[in-house]
């Protein structure tokens, strides 16, 4: 009988209210992470995956040093930072405890592959099977973008071209295709993210997404798009605003830019940066610690 694979991880325990900003801080330090929140205990568990136990142990001093730098930004000190060996099957089961079907927008329902759901009239179902680094779509930035995509497609109608800038696990590209966007393009600077997106699209049986490894300042879309979602760190958005606006289709009808991945206290600075370049804020959604905006850009 096959032996269950062990995963080497660093486990960070924090209060649930700090989960979003901790995830942002880890990403800024180039530590991609996965997190789930226990609503009963009010605690969040954040995992950083390492190549092996030795690599995990080597990262521990750096994380503890960063903890001191992060303290002023968190509402409470971290409860613990430890190295753990986690069975892959235990990880899978932990996701099943915390990931359930939810309505991401008016029409789009996100559900785990192991749950049954009968869609109501007009609903479209995005079935996910989360792995170690696959988001469930419940993060505030992802939910906001899915809501924007649904409203834009409903109001504009037809097949709208879409670019997923900084695609991560590919969930926005998946949602866009299910909602009827075409063609759909996506890129990320991280080759592993692009590989993960491709795998997730294949598992979901979704085609029609063109993926590429590229940095935001270097990416050239096959064609300008009517809708662009840039779910990227605020500093990257502000430093590459002109490049991001160049991704949009120019015309009197206007195109739509979704800016996300922004902590709420950073949002005004991002809005002002893009407003100075002609982007008009149409609406804003704040979920948890994150604010996201939908902008109209005309030629």
C-alpha atoms as a PDB file:
ATOM      1  CA  UNK A   1       0.000   0.000   0.000  1.00  0.00           C
ATOM      2  CA  UNK A   2       1.327   3.471  -0.937  1.00  0.00           C
ATOM      3  CA  UNK A   3       2.650   5.567   1.914  1.00  0.00           C
ATOM      4  CA  UNK A   4       1.132   9.029   2.360  1.00  0.00           C
ATOM      5  CA  UNK A   5       3.511  11.808   1.351  1.00  0.00           C
ATOM      6  CA  UNK A   6       4.752  14.141   4.093  1.00  0.00           C
ATOM      7  CA  UNK A   7       4.904  17.886   3.440  1.00  0.00           C
ATOM      8  CA  UNK A   8       7.431  20.135   5.178  1.00  0.00           C
ATOM      9  CA  UNK A   9       5.766  23.383   6.210  1.00  0.00           C
ATOM     10  CA  UNK A  10       6.172  26.413   8.403  1.00  0.00           C
ATOM     11  CA  UNK A  11       2.978  26.970  10.338  1.00  0.00           C
ATOM     12  CA  UNK A  12       2.024  30.456  11.520  1.00  0.00           C
ATOM     13  CA  UNK A  13      -0.874  30.854  13.942  1.00  0.00           C
ATOM     14  CA  UNK A  14      -2.460  34.307  14.183  1.00  0.00           C
ATOM     15  CA  UNK A  15      -5.748  35.878  15.136  1.00  0.00           C
ATOM     16  CA  UNK A  16      -8.214  35.692  12.259  1.00  0.00           C
ATOM     17  CA  UNK A  17      -8.345  39.486  11.893  1.00  0.00           C
ATOM     18  CA  UNK A  18      -4.650  39.532  10.916  1.00  0.00           C
ATOM     19  CA  UNK A  19      -4.840  36.766   8.309  1.00  0.00           C
ATOM     20  CA  UNK A  20      -5.233  39.055   5.281  1.00  0.00           C
ATOM     21  CA  UNK A  21      -2.439  41.464   6.136  1.00  0.00           C
ATOM     22  CA  UNK A  22      -0.156  38.582   7.173  1.00  0.00           C
ATOM     23  CA  UNK A  23      -0.702  37.003   3.773  1.00  0.00           C
ATOM     24  CA  UNK A  24       0.240  40.326   2.142  1.00  0.00           C
ATOM     25  CA  UNK A  25       3.358  40.702   4.291  1.00  0.00           C
ATOM     26  CA  UNK A  26       4.481  37.169   3.461  1.00  0.00           C
ATOM     27  CA  UNK A  27       3.942  37.757  -0.255  1.00  0.00           C
ATOM     28  CA  UNK A  28       5.992  40.962  -0.071  1.00  0.00           C
ATOM     29  CA  UNK A  29       8.799  38.907   1.499  1.00  0.00           C
ATOM     30  CA  UNK A  30       8.442  36.370  -1.363  1.00  0.00           C
ATOM     31  CA  UNK A  31       6.759  33.704   0.782  1.00  0.00           C
ATOM     32  CA  UNK A  32       3.652  32.448  -1.070  1.00  0.00           C
ATOM     33  CA  UNK A  33       1.300  30.991   1.508  1.00  0.00           C
ATOM     34  CA  UNK A  34      -1.987  29.220   2.032  1.00  0.00           C
ATOM     35  CA  UNK A  35      -4.323  30.128   4.866  1.00  0.00           C
ATOM     36  CA  UNK A  36      -7.542  28.963   6.416  1.00  0.00           C
ATOM     37  CA  UNK A  37      -9.536  30.508   9.230  1.00  0.00           C
ATOM     38  CA  UNK A  38     -11.244  28.636  12.034  1.00  0.00           C
ATOM     39  CA  UNK A  39     -14.340  30.724  12.733  1.00  0.00           C
ATOM     40  CA  UNK A  40     -14.994  28.845  15.969  1.00  0.00           C
ATOM     41  CA  UNK A  41     -11.613  29.573  17.574  1.00  0.00           C
ATOM     42  CA  UNK A  42     -11.044  32.946  15.886  1.00  0.00           C
ATOM     43  CA  UNK A  43      -7.567  31.819  14.804  1.00  0.00           C
ATOM     44  CA  UNK A  44      -5.987  31.597  11.361  1.00  0.00           C
ATOM     45  CA  UNK A  45      -3.441  28.990  10.274  1.00  0.00           C
ATOM     46  CA  UNK A  46      -1.029  30.071   7.536  1.00  0.00           C
ATOM     47  CA  UNK A  47       1.214  27.537   5.823  1.00  0.00           C
ATOM     48  CA  UNK A  48       4.450  28.162   3.924  1.00  0.00           C
ATOM     49  CA  UNK A  49       5.612  25.079   2.046  1.00  0.00           C
ATOM     50  CA  UNK A  50       9.305  24.181   2.012  1.00  0.00           C
ATOM     51  CA  UNK A  51      11.281  21.771  -0.145  1.00  0.00           C
ATOM     52  CA  UNK A  52      12.123  19.576   2.831  1.00  0.00           C
ATOM     53  CA  UNK A  53      12.456  19.638   6.616  1.00  0.00           C
ATOM     54  CA  UNK A  54      15.969  21.107   6.483  1.00  0.00           C
ATOM     55  CA  UNK A  55      14.815  23.973   4.240  1.00  0.00           C
ATOM     56  CA  UNK A  56      11.884  24.670   6.555  1.00  0.00           C
ATOM     57  CA  UNK A  57      14.154  24.816   9.588  1.00  0.00           C
ATOM     58  CA  UNK A  58      16.519  27.190   7.755  1.00  0.00           C
ATOM     59  CA  UNK A  59      13.679  29.618   7.053  1.00  0.00           C
ATOM     60  CA  UNK A  60      12.552  29.756  10.682  1.00  0.00           C
ATOM     61  CA  UNK A  61      15.086  32.415  11.897  1.00  0.00           C
ATOM     62  CA  UNK A  62      14.213  34.714   8.994  1.00  0.00           C
ATOM     63  CA  UNK A  63      10.507  34.502   9.724  1.00  0.00           C
ATOM     64  CA  UNK A  64      11.070  35.180  13.408  1.00  0.00           C
ATOM     65  CA  UNK A  65      13.137  38.254  12.510  1.00  0.00           C
ATOM     66  CA  UNK A  66      10.381  39.461  10.180  1.00  0.00           C
ATOM     67  CA  UNK A  67       7.843  38.922  12.954  1.00  0.00           C
ATOM     68  CA  UNK A  68       9.432  41.776  14.916  1.00  0.00           C
ATOM     69  CA  UNK A  69       9.199  44.075  11.884  1.00  0.00           C
ATOM     70  CA  UNK A  70       5.556  43.131  11.304  1.00  0.00           C
ATOM     71  CA  UNK A  71       4.416  43.663  14.884  1.00  0.00           C
ATOM     72  CA  UNK A  72       3.327  47.319  14.414  1.00  0.00           C
ATOM     73  CA  UNK A  73       1.121  46.276  11.464  1.00  0.00           C
ATOM     74  CA  UNK A  74      -0.667  43.427  13.252  1.00  0.00           C
ATOM     75  CA  UNK A  75      -3.424  43.753  15.815  1.00  0.00           C
ATOM     76  CA  UNK A  76      -1.798  41.028  17.938  1.00  0.00           C
ATOM     77  CA  UNK A  77       1.562  39.217  18.015  1.00  0.00           C
ATOM     78  CA  UNK A  78       1.646  35.888  16.217  1.00  0.00           C
ATOM     79  CA  UNK A  79       0.619  33.047  18.493  1.00  0.00           C
ATOM     80  CA  UNK A  80       3.356  30.772  17.135  1.00  0.00           C
ATOM     81  CA  UNK A  81       5.731  30.022  14.250  1.00  0.00           C
ATOM     82  CA  UNK A  82       6.770  26.390  14.007  1.00  0.00           C
ATOM     83  CA  UNK A  83       8.080  23.791  11.568  1.00  0.00           C
ATOM     84  CA  UNK A  84       5.801  20.861  10.927  1.00  0.00           C
ATOM     85  CA  UNK A  85       5.614  17.696   8.922  1.00  0.00           C
ATOM     86  CA  UNK A  86       2.126  17.487   7.491  1.00  0.00           C
ATOM     87  CA  UNK A  87       0.676  14.505   5.695  1.00  0.00           C
ATOM     88  CA  UNK A  88      -0.626  15.448   2.277  1.00  0.00           C
ATOM     89  CA  UNK A  89      -3.864  13.623   2.988  1.00  0.00           C
ATOM     90  CA  UNK A  90      -4.287  15.656   6.204  1.00  0.00           C
ATOM     91  CA  UNK A  91      -3.851  18.853   4.211  1.00  0.00           C
ATOM     92  CA  UNK A  92      -6.518  17.755   1.753  1.00  0.00           C
ATOM     93  CA  UNK A  93      -8.919  16.941   4.564  1.00  0.00           C
ATOM     94  CA  UNK A  94      -8.301  20.282   6.286  1.00  0.00           C
ATOM     95  CA  UNK A  95      -9.380  22.091   3.124  1.00  0.00           C
ATOM     96  CA  UNK A  96     -12.568  20.072   3.009  1.00  0.00           C
ATOM     97  CA  UNK A  97     -13.448  21.239   6.514  1.00  0.00           C
ATOM     98  CA  UNK A  98     -13.129  24.916   5.617  1.00  0.00           C
ATOM     99  CA  UNK A  99     -14.088  25.157   1.943  1.00  0.00           C
ATOM    100  CA  UNK A 100     -17.800  24.997   1.126  1.00  0.00           C
ATOM    101  CA  UNK A 101     -20.053  26.153  -1.686  1.00  0.00           C
ATOM    102  CA  UNK A 102     -20.636  29.907  -1.749  1.00  0.00           C
ATOM    103  CA  UNK A 103     -22.132  32.466  -4.122  1.00  0.00           C
ATOM    104  CA  UNK A 104     -19.302  34.644  -5.420  1.00  0.00           C
ATOM    105  CA  UNK A 105     -21.539  36.962  -7.463  1.00  0.00           C
ATOM    106  CA  UNK A 106     -25.094  37.232  -8.737  1.00  0.00           C
ATOM    107  CA  UNK A 107     -24.605  34.408 -11.236  1.00  0.00           C
ATOM    108  CA  UNK A 108     -21.356  32.701 -10.256  1.00  0.00           C
ATOM    109  CA  UNK A 109     -21.350  29.950  -7.628  1.00  0.00           C
ATOM    110  CA  UNK A 110     -18.009  28.537  -6.441  1.00  0.00           C
ATOM    111  CA  UNK A 111     -18.115  25.001  -5.099  1.00  0.00           C
ATOM    112  CA  UNK A 112     -15.639  22.290  -4.109  1.00  0.00           C
ATOM    113  CA  UNK A 113     -15.670  19.274  -6.380  1.00  0.00           C
ATOM    114  CA  UNK A 114     -16.773  16.997  -3.527  1.00  0.00           C
ATOM    115  CA  UNK A 115     -19.992  18.887  -2.775  1.00  0.00           C
ATOM    116  CA  UNK A 116     -23.224  18.564  -4.731  1.00  0.00           C
ATOM    117  CA  UNK A 117     -24.979  21.730  -5.879  1.00  0.00           C
ATOM    118  CA  UNK A 118     -27.970  22.137  -8.185  1.00  0.00           C
ATOM    119  CA  UNK A 119     -27.715  25.570  -9.835  1.00  0.00           C
ATOM    120  CA  UNK A 120     -30.711  27.852  -9.907  1.00  0.00           C
ATOM    121  CA  UNK A 121     -31.868  29.421 -13.166  1.00  0.00           C
ATOM    122  CA  UNK A 122     -29.143  31.678 -14.517  1.00  0.00           C
ATOM    123  CA  UNK A 123     -26.429  30.459 -12.151  1.00  0.00           C
ATOM    124  CA  UNK A 124     -23.053  29.281 -13.428  1.00  0.00           C
ATOM    125  CA  UNK A 125     -20.950  26.905 -11.342  1.00  0.00           C
ATOM    126  CA  UNK A 126     -17.186  27.003 -10.947  1.00  0.00           C
ATOM    127  CA  UNK A 127     -16.059  23.684  -9.444  1.00  0.00           C
ATOM    128  CA  UNK A 128     -12.677  23.695  -7.725  1.00  0.00           C
ATOM    129  CA  UNK A 129     -10.498  20.965  -6.275  1.00  0.00           C
ATOM    130  CA  UNK A 130      -7.999  22.868  -4.111  1.00  0.00           C
ATOM    131  CA  UNK A 131      -4.461  21.586  -3.850  1.00  0.00           C
ATOM    132  CA  UNK A 132      -1.640  22.911  -1.705  1.00  0.00           C
ATOM    133  CA  UNK A 133      -1.495  26.337  -3.318  1.00  0.00           C
ATOM    134  CA  UNK A 134      -4.885  26.689  -4.985  1.00  0.00           C
ATOM    135  CA  UNK A 135      -7.134  29.459  -3.715  1.00  0.00           C
ATOM    136  CA  UNK A 136     -10.802  28.802  -3.017  1.00  0.00           C
ATOM    137  CA  UNK A 137     -11.882  32.159  -4.404  1.00  0.00           C
ATOM    138  CA  UNK A 138     -13.016  33.386  -1.002  1.00  0.00           C
ATOM    139  CA  UNK A 139     -10.203  35.913  -0.567  1.00  0.00           C
ATOM    140  CA  UNK A 140     -11.576  39.474  -0.556  1.00  0.00           C
ATOM    141  CA  UNK A 141      -9.665  40.541  -3.675  1.00  0.00           C
ATOM    142  CA  UNK A 142     -10.811  37.510  -5.676  1.00  0.00           C
ATOM    143  CA  UNK A 143     -14.460  37.836  -4.655  1.00  0.00           C
ATOM    144  CA  UNK A 144     -14.460  41.520  -5.574  1.00  0.00           C
ATOM    145  CA  UNK A 145     -13.038  40.844  -9.036  1.00  0.00           C
ATOM    146  CA  UNK A 146     -15.532  38.039  -9.694  1.00  0.00           C
ATOM    147  CA  UNK A 147     -18.379  40.389  -8.737  1.00  0.00           C
ATOM    148  CA  UNK A 148     -17.059  43.056 -11.109  1.00  0.00           C
ATOM    149  CA  UNK A 149     -16.670  40.545 -13.945  1.00  0.00           C
ATOM    150  CA  UNK A 150     -20.245  39.344 -13.516  1.00  0.00           C
ATOM    151  CA  UNK A 151     -21.738  42.863 -13.514  1.00  0.00           C
ATOM    152  CA  UNK A 152     -19.703  44.038 -16.525  1.00  0.00           C
ATOM    153  CA  UNK A 153     -20.604  41.007 -18.637  1.00  0.00           C
ATOM    154  CA  UNK A 154     -24.286  41.268 -17.656  1.00  0.00           C
ATOM    155  CA  UNK A 155     -24.458  44.950 -18.567  1.00  0.00           C
ATOM    156  CA  UNK A 156     -22.307  44.887 -21.714  1.00  0.00           C
ATOM    157  CA  UNK A 157     -23.390  41.512 -23.079  1.00  0.00           C
ATOM    158  CA  UNK A 158     -21.652  39.415 -25.708  1.00  0.00           C
ATOM    159  CA  UNK A 159     -18.109  38.077 -25.642  1.00  0.00           C
ATOM    160  CA  UNK A 160     -15.747  40.568 -24.043  1.00  0.00           C
ATOM    161  CA  UNK A 161     -11.981  40.157 -24.291  1.00  0.00           C
ATOM    162  CA  UNK A 162     -10.334  39.752 -20.880  1.00  0.00           C
ATOM    163  CA  UNK A 163      -6.797  39.896 -19.491  1.00  0.00           C
ATOM    164  CA  UNK A 164      -5.892  38.424 -16.105  1.00  0.00           C
ATOM    165  CA  UNK A 165      -2.734  40.321 -15.096  1.00  0.00           C
ATOM    166  CA  UNK A 166      -0.971  38.460 -12.297  1.00  0.00           C
ATOM    167  CA  UNK A 167      -3.112  35.344 -12.684  1.00  0.00           C
ATOM    168  CA  UNK A 168      -1.837  33.403  -9.646  1.00  0.00           C
ATOM    169  CA  UNK A 169      -3.851  30.182  -9.541  1.00  0.00           C
ATOM    170  CA  UNK A 170      -5.974  31.216 -12.537  1.00  0.00           C
ATOM    171  CA  UNK A 171      -9.296  31.521 -10.738  1.00  0.00           C
ATOM    172  CA  UNK A 172     -10.236  34.853 -12.359  1.00  0.00           C
ATOM    173  CA  UNK A 173      -9.527  33.427 -15.810  1.00  0.00           C
ATOM    174  CA  UNK A 174     -11.698  30.423 -14.949  1.00  0.00           C
ATOM    175  CA  UNK A 175     -14.516  32.622 -13.714  1.00  0.00           C
ATOM    176  CA  UNK A 176     -14.278  34.866 -16.770  1.00  0.00           C
ATOM    177  CA  UNK A 177     -14.549  31.940 -19.194  1.00  0.00           C
ATOM    178  CA  UNK A 178     -17.548  30.516 -17.338  1.00  0.00           C
ATOM    179  CA  UNK A 179     -19.239  33.937 -17.473  1.00  0.00           C
ATOM    180  CA  UNK A 180     -18.700  34.069 -21.239  1.00  0.00           C
ATOM    181  CA  UNK A 181     -15.600  36.218 -21.719  1.00  0.00           C
ATOM    182  CA  UNK A 182     -13.567  35.509 -24.851  1.00  0.00           C
ATOM    183  CA  UNK A 183     -10.791  35.588 -25.732  1.00  0.00           C
ATOM    184  CA  UNK A 184      -9.108  35.319 -22.332  1.00  0.00           C
ATOM    185  CA  UNK A 185      -5.413  35.991 -21.768  1.00  0.00           C
ATOM    186  CA  UNK A 186      -3.435  35.582 -18.547  1.00  0.00           C
ATOM    187  CA  UNK A 187       0.109  36.069 -17.358  1.00  0.00           C
ATOM    188  CA  UNK A 188       2.199  35.981 -14.196  1.00  0.00           C
ATOM    189  CA  UNK A 189       5.865  36.667 -13.496  1.00  0.00           C
ATOM    190  CA  UNK A 190       6.095  33.379 -11.556  1.00  0.00           C
ATOM    191  CA  UNK A 191       6.500  30.299 -13.808  1.00  0.00           C
ATOM    192  CA  UNK A 192       5.059  28.108 -11.042  1.00  0.00           C
ATOM    193  CA  UNK A 193       1.893  30.234 -10.934  1.00  0.00           C
ATOM    194  CA  UNK A 194       1.439  29.866 -14.690  1.00  0.00           C
ATOM    195  CA  UNK A 195       2.000  26.108 -14.449  1.00  0.00           C
ATOM    196  CA  UNK A 196      -0.542  25.923 -11.604  1.00  0.00           C
ATOM    197  CA  UNK A 197      -3.069  27.966 -13.591  1.00  0.00           C
ATOM    198  CA  UNK A 198      -2.690  25.630 -16.548  1.00  0.00           C
ATOM    199  CA  UNK A 199      -3.194  22.590 -14.333  1.00  0.00           C
ATOM    200  CA  UNK A 200      -6.256  24.072 -12.636  1.00  0.00           C
ATOM    201  CA  UNK A 201      -7.862  25.051 -15.938  1.00  0.00           C
ATOM    202  CA  UNK A 202      -7.279  21.526 -17.245  1.00  0.00           C
ATOM    203  CA  UNK A 203      -8.785  19.925 -14.113  1.00  0.00           C
ATOM    204  CA  UNK A 204     -11.859  22.136 -14.434  1.00  0.00           C
ATOM    205  CA  UNK A 205     -12.230  21.303 -18.134  1.00  0.00           C
ATOM    206  CA  UNK A 206     -11.947  24.979 -19.105  1.00  0.00           C
ATOM    207  CA  UNK A 207     -10.297  25.872 -22.407  1.00  0.00           C
ATOM    208  CA  UNK A 208      -9.754  29.111 -24.277  1.00  0.00           C
ATOM    209  CA  UNK A 209      -7.238  30.757 -21.923  1.00  0.00           C
ATOM    210  CA  UNK A 210      -3.860  31.819 -23.330  1.00  0.00           C
ATOM    211  CA  UNK A 211      -1.199  31.715 -20.578  1.00  0.00           C
ATOM    212  CA  UNK A 212       2.236  33.320 -20.557  1.00  0.00           C
ATOM    213  CA  UNK A 213       5.131  33.869 -18.141  1.00  0.00           C
ATOM    214  CA  UNK A 214       5.966  37.576 -18.111  1.00  0.00           C
ATOM    215  CA  UNK A 215       6.565  40.570 -15.883  1.00  0.00           C
ATOM    216  CA  UNK A 216       3.920  43.286 -15.960  1.00  0.00           C
ATOM    217  CA  UNK A 217       6.346  45.837 -17.444  1.00  0.00           C
ATOM    218  CA  UNK A 218       7.321  43.487 -20.287  1.00  0.00           C
ATOM    219  CA  UNK A 219       4.035  41.745 -21.159  1.00  0.00           C
ATOM    220  CA  UNK A 220       2.490  42.447 -24.567  1.00  0.00           C
ATOM    221  CA  UNK A 221      -1.057  41.086 -24.926  1.00  0.00           C
ATOM    222  CA  UNK A 222      -1.971  39.476 -28.263  1.00  0.00           C
ATOM    223  CA  UNK A 223      -4.582  42.214 -28.508  1.00  0.00           C
ATOM    224  CA  UNK A 224      -5.840  45.040 -26.285  1.00  0.00           C
ATOM    225  CA  UNK A 225      -8.709  43.920 -24.055  1.00  0.00           C
ATOM    226  CA  UNK A 226     -12.056  45.471 -23.093  1.00  0.00           C
ATOM    227  CA  UNK A 227     -11.615  44.227 -19.510  1.00  0.00           C
ATOM    228  CA  UNK A 228      -8.347  43.938 -17.585  1.00  0.00           C
ATOM    229  CA  UNK A 229      -8.056  42.667 -14.008  1.00  0.00           C
ATOM    230  CA  UNK A 230      -4.827  43.595 -12.246  1.00  0.00           C
ATOM    231  CA  UNK A 231      -4.943  41.742  -8.924  1.00  0.00           C
ATOM    232  CA  UNK A 232      -1.408  42.734  -7.928  1.00  0.00           C
ATOM    233  CA  UNK A 233       0.340  44.405  -4.979  1.00  0.00           C
ATOM    234  CA  UNK A 234      -0.358  48.131  -4.628  1.00  0.00           C
ATOM    235  CA  UNK A 235       3.310  49.039  -5.097  1.00  0.00           C
ATOM    236  CA  UNK A 236       3.422  47.128  -8.400  1.00  0.00           C
ATOM    237  CA  UNK A 237       0.187  48.740  -9.599  1.00  0.00           C
ATOM    238  CA  UNK A 238       1.484  52.227  -8.891  1.00  0.00           C
ATOM    239  CA  UNK A 239       4.901  51.597 -10.388  1.00  0.00           C
ATOM    240  CA  UNK A 240       3.466  50.166 -13.612  1.00  0.00           C
ATOM    241  CA  UNK A 241       0.263  52.182 -14.078  1.00  0.00           C
ATOM    242  CA  UNK A 242       1.056  53.293 -17.638  1.00  0.00           C
ATOM    243  CA  UNK A 243       1.908  49.718 -18.708  1.00  0.00           C
ATOM    244  CA  UNK A 244      -1.336  48.389 -17.238  1.00  0.00           C
ATOM    245  CA  UNK A 245      -3.452  51.043 -18.976  1.00  0.00           C
ATOM    246  CA  UNK A 246      -1.792  50.108 -22.283  1.00  0.00           C
ATOM    247  CA  UNK A 247      -3.339  46.628 -21.964  1.00  0.00           C
ATOM    248  CA  UNK A 248      -6.805  48.157 -22.483  1.00  0.00           C
ATOM    249  CA  UNK A 249      -8.672  48.454 -25.753  1.00  0.00           C
ATOM    250  CA  UNK A 250      -8.991  52.107 -26.765  1.00  0.00           C
ATOM    251  CA  UNK A 251     -12.283  53.441 -28.087  1.00  0.00           C
ATOM    252  CA  UNK A 252     -15.180  55.798 -27.336  1.00  0.00           C
ATOM    253  CA  UNK A 253     -17.193  52.994 -25.716  1.00  0.00           C
ATOM    254  CA  UNK A 254     -14.592  52.703 -22.977  1.00  0.00           C
ATOM    255  CA  UNK A 255     -12.870  49.732 -21.388  1.00  0.00           C
ATOM    256  CA  UNK A 256     -12.918  48.443 -17.836  1.00  0.00           C
ATOM    257  CA  UNK A 257      -9.967  48.170 -15.465  1.00  0.00           C
ATOM    258  CA  UNK A 258     -10.235  46.169 -12.242  1.00  0.00           C
ATOM    259  CA  UNK A 259      -7.617  47.119  -9.671  1.00  0.00           C
ATOM    260  CA  UNK A 260      -7.279  44.735  -6.756  1.00  0.00           C
ATOM    261  CA  UNK A 261      -4.781  43.219  -4.319  1.00  0.00           C
ATOM    262  CA  UNK A 262      -4.862  46.523  -2.412  1.00  0.00           C
ATOM    263  CA  UNK A 263      -4.980  46.904   1.362  1.00  0.00           C
ATOM    264  CA  UNK A 264      -7.689  49.444   2.209  1.00  0.00           C
ATOM    265  CA  UNK A 265      -5.274  52.022   3.624  1.00  0.00           C
ATOM    266  CA  UNK A 266      -3.353  51.972   0.313  1.00  0.00           C
ATOM    267  CA  UNK A 267      -6.384  52.293  -1.929  1.00  0.00           C
ATOM    268  CA  UNK A 268      -6.655  56.103  -2.128  1.00  0.00           C
ATOM    269  CA  UNK A 269      -3.065  56.429  -3.325  1.00  0.00           C
ATOM    270  CA  UNK A 270      -3.669  53.826  -6.049  1.00  0.00           C
ATOM    271  CA  UNK A 271      -6.924  55.520  -7.116  1.00  0.00           C
ATOM    272  CA  UNK A 272      -5.236  58.914  -7.380  1.00  0.00           C
ATOM    273  CA  UNK A 273      -2.378  57.456  -9.418  1.00  0.00           C
ATOM    274  CA  UNK A 274      -4.727  55.966 -12.010  1.00  0.00           C
ATOM    275  CA  UNK A 275      -7.159  58.911 -11.963  1.00  0.00           C
ATOM    276  CA  UNK A 276      -4.289  61.183 -12.968  1.00  0.00           C
ATOM    277  CA  UNK A 277      -3.920  59.003 -16.084  1.00  0.00           C
ATOM    278  CA  UNK A 278      -7.606  59.199 -16.994  1.00  0.00           C
ATOM    279  CA  UNK A 279      -9.129  56.196 -15.207  1.00  0.00           C
ATOM    280  CA  UNK A 280     -12.543  57.019 -13.713  1.00  0.00           C
ATOM    281  CA  UNK A 281     -13.623  55.037 -10.663  1.00  0.00           C
ATOM    282  CA  UNK A 282     -17.094  53.577 -11.191  1.00  0.00           C
ATOM    283  CA  UNK A 283     -17.451  51.554  -8.012  1.00  0.00           C
ATOM    284  CA  UNK A 284     -15.473  50.127  -5.145  1.00  0.00           C
ATOM    285  CA  UNK A 285     -15.811  46.969  -3.047  1.00  0.00           C
ATOM    286  CA  UNK A 286     -14.194  46.536   0.361  1.00  0.00           C
ATOM    287  CA  UNK A 287     -14.062  42.997   1.750  1.00  0.00           C
ATOM    288  CA  UNK A 288     -12.126  42.199   4.905  1.00  0.00           C
ATOM    289  CA  UNK A 289      -8.893  44.263   4.781  1.00  0.00           C
ATOM    290  CA  UNK A 290      -8.953  44.710   1.009  1.00  0.00           C
ATOM    291  CA  UNK A 291     -10.385  47.347  -1.344  1.00  0.00           C
ATOM    292  CA  UNK A 292     -10.857  46.807  -5.072  1.00  0.00           C
ATOM    293  CA  UNK A 293     -12.072  49.232  -7.723  1.00  0.00           C
ATOM    294  CA  UNK A 294     -13.741  49.065 -11.120  1.00  0.00           C
ATOM    295  CA  UNK A 295     -12.631  51.874 -13.461  1.00  0.00           C
ATOM    296  CA  UNK A 296     -13.793  53.131 -16.847  1.00  0.00           C
ATOM    297  CA  UNK A 297     -11.032  54.152 -19.253  1.00  0.00           C
ATOM    298  CA  UNK A 298     -11.810  55.951 -22.523  1.00  0.00           C
ATOM    299  CA  UNK A 299      -9.464  57.035 -25.300  1.00  0.00           C
END
